[in-house]
Amino acid sequence: MLFSNYIYQDQLQSSRLVTRFLTRDDISIWTDFFKDEEAIELMTTYGLTTHEERATRWIEKQLDRYATHRMGHQALIDKNTNAFIGQSGLLVQEVDGVTELEVGYHVFKKYWGQGYAPEAARLFLNHAFENNLSDSVISIIDTRNLRSQRVADKNGLLREKQTTWSDLNVYIYRIDKSNWK
């Protein structure tokens, strides 16, 4: 794939957001994300029982992604307030035996409905296609997650198939570079 030798970048900017790489210092704020049962109801627990364990595993996984050139989620920071509003990023994933580039997003519930998730996803989609990282980008979305499906729809991703991924029943949404803007 085209993105295999790419050096992942942060400090990407949209009209309201700037991104930065996550650090271990973000575990405490991400613990608050895992305390919101509605925000995480469709996420896998990996057998972890506390919010802090889940947040630590999540952040450590992103740090490992950065170190092993598999990209990863980045912090989404509101430019005007400097608030940490969620995470988004490009992720190297394997789906049904195929290596794919995914755009993922998670936003704190208090910011839902304000357009941050579509804006963040668009920011990373633009980045992927402008830097020729892949000919297409996917989103892996739990079949029950209607909010994320709407985000994918808003950004022009089309539902391609239903499959099992990480023990979840998911839809794969995809956009080809030729169909982006």
Foldseek 3Di string as FASTA:
>chain_A
DQQQPPQDDFQQDDPFKGWDADDQVCLVVQLVQQVPCVLCVQPDPVPDDHSSVSSNVQNVVQVVCNVNSQHHWTFIATPPPRDRFWIWIWGFDADPNDTAIEIDIGGRPVCPPVCPLLRRSVSRVCVCLVVVNDQKYKHKAAPPPVSVVVSLVVQPWAFDDWDADPNGTTTITMDGSVRGD
